[in-house]
Amino acid sequence: MKTPRKLDPATGFRTGLALADAGIEMKRAQLQRDFPADTPDETLNRLNAWLRERPGAEFGDGEGRPGWFARRNA
């Protein structure tokens, strides 16, 4: 069995950004399917509203109670 190769942090960061971009584009496509009569500007407004509110993940995607970074590192 091969040992997994380690990626440098920059590569991992770029991969994460690419995955986030792909997810946003998938949400845009879903909104276009759900609201076919919307103009591109209306779709963009819906997408921006979804990104701000994130129904079901208002405090992020992690488990546990929300808090500030400074509290965990104090």
N, C-alpha and C. Protein backbone atom coordinates (compact mmCIF):
# COMPACT_ATOMS: atom_id res chain seq x y z
N MET A 1 0.84 -1.17 0.00
CA MET A 1 0.00 0.00 0.00
C MET A 1 0.89 1.23 0.00
N LYS A 2 0.54 2.19 -0.85
CA LYS A 2 1.32 3.42 -0.93
C LYS A 2 1.05 4.32 0.26
N THR A 3 2.08 5.03 0.67
CA THR A 3 1.91 6.03 1.73
C THR A 3 1.30 7.27 1.09
N PRO A 4 0.25 7.85 1.72
CA PRO A 4 -0.32 9.05 1.10
C PRO A 4 0.70 10.19 1.09
N ARG A 5 0.77 10.88 -0.03
CA ARG A 5 1.73 11.98 -0.10
C ARG A 5 1.13 13.21 0.57
N LYS A 6 1.99 13.98 1.17
CA LYS A 6 1.54 15.19 1.85
C LYS A 6 1.55 16.36 0.86
N LEU A 7 0.47 17.13 0.90
CA LEU A 7 0.39 18.31 0.06
C LEU A 7 0.87 19.52 0.85
N ASP A 8 1.46 20.44 0.15
CA ASP A 8 1.87 21.66 0.85
C ASP A 8 0.60 22.45 1.18
N PRO A 9 0.64 23.30 2.20
CA PRO A 9 -0.55 24.04 2.62
C PRO A 9 -1.17 24.87 1.50
N ALA A 10 -0.36 25.45 0.64
CA ALA A 10 -0.90 26.28 -0.44
C ALA A 10 -1.76 25.44 -1.39
N THR A 11 -1.33 24.23 -1.68
CA THR A 11 -2.11 23.36 -2.56
C THR A 11 -3.43 22.98 -1.90
N GLY A 12 -3.37 22.67 -0.63
CA GLY A 12 -4.61 22.34 0.09
C GLY A 12 -5.56 23.52 0.13
N PHE A 13 -5.04 24.71 0.33
CA PHE A 13 -5.86 25.92 0.36
C PHE A 13 -6.51 26.16 -1.00
N ARG A 14 -5.72 26.02 -2.07
CA ARG A 14 -6.27 26.21 -3.42
C ARG A 14 -7.35 25.16 -3.71
N THR A 15 -7.14 23.94 -3.25
CA THR A 15 -8.14 22.90 -3.44
C THR A 15 -9.43 23.25 -2.71
N GLY A 16 -9.30 23.74 -1.49
CA GLY A 16 -10.47 24.15 -0.72
C GLY A 16 -11.24 25.27 -1.40
N LEU A 17 -10.51 26.26 -1.93
CA LEU A 17 -11.17 27.35 -2.64
C LEU A 17 -11.87 26.85 -3.90
N ALA A 18 -11.24 25.93 -4.61
CA ALA A 18 -11.86 25.37 -5.82
C ALA A 18 -13.14 24.61 -5.47
N LEU A 19 -13.12 23.86 -4.36
CA LEU A 19 -14.32 23.14 -3.94
C LEU A 19 -15.43 24.11 -3.53
N ALA A 20 -15.06 25.19 -2.85
CA ALA A 20 -16.06 26.20 -2.47
C ALA A 20 -16.67 26.83 -3.71
N ASP A 21 -15.84 27.17 -4.70
CA ASP A 21 -16.35 27.74 -5.95
C ASP A 21 -17.30 26.76 -6.64
N ALA A 22 -16.94 25.50 -6.66
CA ALA A 22 -17.80 24.49 -7.29
C ALA A 22 -19.15 24.40 -6.57
N GLY A 23 -19.13 24.45 -5.25
CA GLY A 23 -20.37 24.40 -4.49
C GLY A 23 -21.26 25.60 -4.74
N ILE A 24 -20.66 26.78 -4.87
CA ILE A 24 -21.43 27.99 -5.15
C ILE A 24 -22.05 27.89 -6.54
N GLU A 25 -21.30 27.39 -7.50
CA GLU A 25 -21.84 27.23 -8.85
C GLU A 25 -22.97 26.20 -8.89
N MET A 26 -22.86 25.14 -8.08
CA MET A 26 -23.95 24.16 -8.00
C MET A 26 -25.20 24.78 -7.40
N LYS A 27 -25.03 25.64 -6.40
CA LYS A 27 -26.19 26.31 -5.80
C LYS A 27 -26.81 27.28 -6.81
N ARG A 28 -25.98 27.98 -7.58
CA ARG A 28 -26.51 28.87 -8.61
C ARG A 28 -27.34 28.08 -9.63
N ALA A 29 -26.83 26.93 -10.05
CA ALA A 29 -27.56 26.09 -11.01
C ALA A 29 -28.89 25.62 -10.41
N GLN A 30 -28.89 25.26 -9.13
CA GLN A 30 -30.13 24.85 -8.47
C GLN A 30 -31.14 26.00 -8.45
N LEU A 31 -30.68 27.20 -8.13
CA LEU A 31 -31.58 28.35 -8.11
C LEU A 31 -32.14 28.64 -9.50
N GLN A 32 -31.33 28.46 -10.53
CA GLN A 32 -31.81 28.67 -11.89
C GLN A 32 -32.88 27.63 -12.27
N ARG A 33 -32.70 26.40 -11.78
CA ARG A 33 -33.73 25.37 -12.03
C ARG A 33 -35.00 25.65 -11.24
N ASP A 34 -34.84 26.08 -9.98
CA ASP A 34 -35.99 26.31 -9.11
C ASP A 34 -36.78 27.56 -9.50
N PHE A 35 -36.10 28.55 -10.08
CA PHE A 35 -36.74 29.81 -10.45
C PHE A 35 -36.38 30.16 -11.90
N PRO A 36 -36.91 29.39 -12.86
CA PRO A 36 -36.49 29.58 -14.26
C PRO A 36 -36.88 30.94 -14.84
N ALA A 37 -37.86 31.61 -14.27
CA ALA A 37 -38.29 32.91 -14.80
C ALA A 37 -37.40 34.06 -14.31
N ASP A 38 -36.53 33.80 -13.35
CA ASP A 38 -35.66 34.85 -12.80
C ASP A 38 -34.65 35.32 -13.85
N THR A 39 -34.34 36.61 -13.78
CA THR A 39 -33.25 37.14 -14.60
C THR A 39 -31.93 36.75 -13.95
N PRO A 40 -30.82 36.88 -14.66
CA PRO A 40 -29.52 36.58 -14.04
C PRO A 40 -29.26 37.42 -12.78
N ASP A 41 -29.70 38.68 -12.79
CA ASP A 41 -29.53 39.52 -11.60
C ASP A 41 -30.35 38.99 -10.42
N GLU A 42 -31.57 38.53 -10.69
CA GLU A 42 -32.40 37.98 -9.62
C GLU A 42 -31.78 36.70 -9.06
N THR A 43 -31.25 35.87 -9.94
CA THR A 43 -30.57 34.66 -9.48
C THR A 43 -29.37 35.01 -8.61
N LEU A 44 -28.60 36.01 -9.04
CA LEU A 44 -27.44 36.44 -8.26
C LEU A 44 -27.88 36.97 -6.89
N ASN A 45 -28.98 37.72 -6.85
CA ASN A 45 -29.49 38.21 -5.57
C ASN A 45 -29.90 37.06 -4.66
N ARG A 46 -30.56 36.05 -5.22
CA ARG A 46 -30.94 34.87 -4.42
C ARG A 46 -29.70 34.15 -3.91
N LEU A 47 -28.69 34.01 -4.77
CA LEU A 47 -27.45 33.34 -4.38
C LEU A 47 -26.76 34.10 -3.25
N ASN A 48 -26.67 35.41 -3.39
CA ASN A 48 -26.04 36.22 -2.34
C ASN A 48 -26.79 36.13 -1.03
N ALA A 49 -28.13 36.12 -1.10
CA ALA A 49 -28.93 35.98 0.13
C ALA A 49 -28.66 34.62 0.77
N TRP A 50 -28.57 33.58 -0.04
CA TRP A 50 -28.30 32.24 0.50
C TRP A 50 -26.91 32.19 1.14
N LEU A 51 -25.93 32.81 0.51
CA LEU A 51 -24.58 32.82 1.07
C LEU A 51 -24.54 33.57 2.40
N ARG A 52 -25.32 34.61 2.55
CA ARG A 52 -25.34 35.37 3.81
C ARG A 52 -26.06 34.61 4.91
N GLU A 53 -27.14 33.92 4.56
CA GLU A 53 -27.99 33.29 5.59
C GLU A 53 -27.65 31.84 5.85
N ARG A 54 -27.28 31.09 4.81
CA ARG A 54 -26.97 29.66 4.91
C ARG A 54 -27.97 28.92 5.80
N PRO A 55 -29.22 28.79 5.37
CA PRO A 55 -30.22 28.09 6.19
C PRO A 55 -29.72 26.72 6.66
N GLY A 56 -29.78 26.50 7.95
CA GLY A 56 -29.32 25.25 8.52
C GLY A 56 -27.86 25.29 8.97
N ALA A 57 -27.12 26.31 8.57
CA ALA A 57 -25.71 26.42 8.96
C ALA A 57 -25.38 27.88 9.26
N GLU A 58 -26.27 28.53 9.97
CA GLU A 58 -26.11 29.96 10.25
C GLU A 58 -24.82 30.28 10.98
N PHE A 59 -24.34 29.35 11.78
CA PHE A 59 -23.13 29.59 12.57
C PHE A 59 -21.94 28.79 12.03
N GLY A 60 -22.03 28.32 10.82
CA GLY A 60 -20.97 27.53 10.22
C GLY A 60 -21.34 26.06 10.13
N ASP A 61 -20.43 25.28 9.60
CA ASP A 61 -20.70 23.87 9.38
C ASP A 61 -20.16 22.96 10.48
N GLY A 62 -19.43 23.53 11.43
CA GLY A 62 -18.82 22.72 12.48
C GLY A 62 -19.80 22.33 13.57
N GLU A 63 -19.44 21.31 14.31
CA GLU A 63 -20.26 20.87 15.44
C GLU A 63 -19.92 21.68 16.67
N GLY A 64 -20.81 21.64 17.63
CA GLY A 64 -20.56 22.34 18.89
C GLY A 64 -21.21 23.70 18.92
N ARG A 65 -21.01 24.39 20.03
CA ARG A 65 -21.65 25.70 20.16
C ARG A 65 -20.79 26.78 19.50
N PRO A 66 -21.45 27.78 18.94
CA PRO A 66 -20.69 28.85 18.29
C PRO A 66 -19.88 29.64 19.30
N GLY A 67 -18.76 30.14 18.89
CA GLY A 67 -17.93 30.94 19.77
C GLY A 67 -16.92 31.72 18.97
N TRP A 68 -16.17 32.54 19.66
CA TRP A 68 -15.14 33.32 19.02
C TRP A 68 -13.81 32.60 19.10
N PHE A 69 -12.99 32.80 18.09
CA PHE A 69 -11.67 32.18 18.04
C PHE A 69 -10.85 32.55 19.27
N ALA A 70 -10.92 33.80 19.67
CA ALA A 70 -10.13 34.27 20.83
C ALA A 70 -10.49 33.50 22.10
N ARG A 71 -11.75 33.11 22.24
CA ARG A 71 -12.16 32.39 23.45
C ARG A 71 -11.47 31.03 23.53
N ARG A 72 -11.32 30.36 22.40
CA ARG A 72 -10.70 29.04 22.41
C ARG A 72 -9.20 29.11 22.65
N ASN A 73 -8.60 30.23 22.31
CA ASN A 73 -7.14 30.33 22.44
C ASN A 73 -6.72 31.17 23.63
N ALA A 74 -7.65 31.51 24.50
CA ALA A 74 -7.31 32.35 25.65
C ALA A 74 -6.64 31.53 26.74
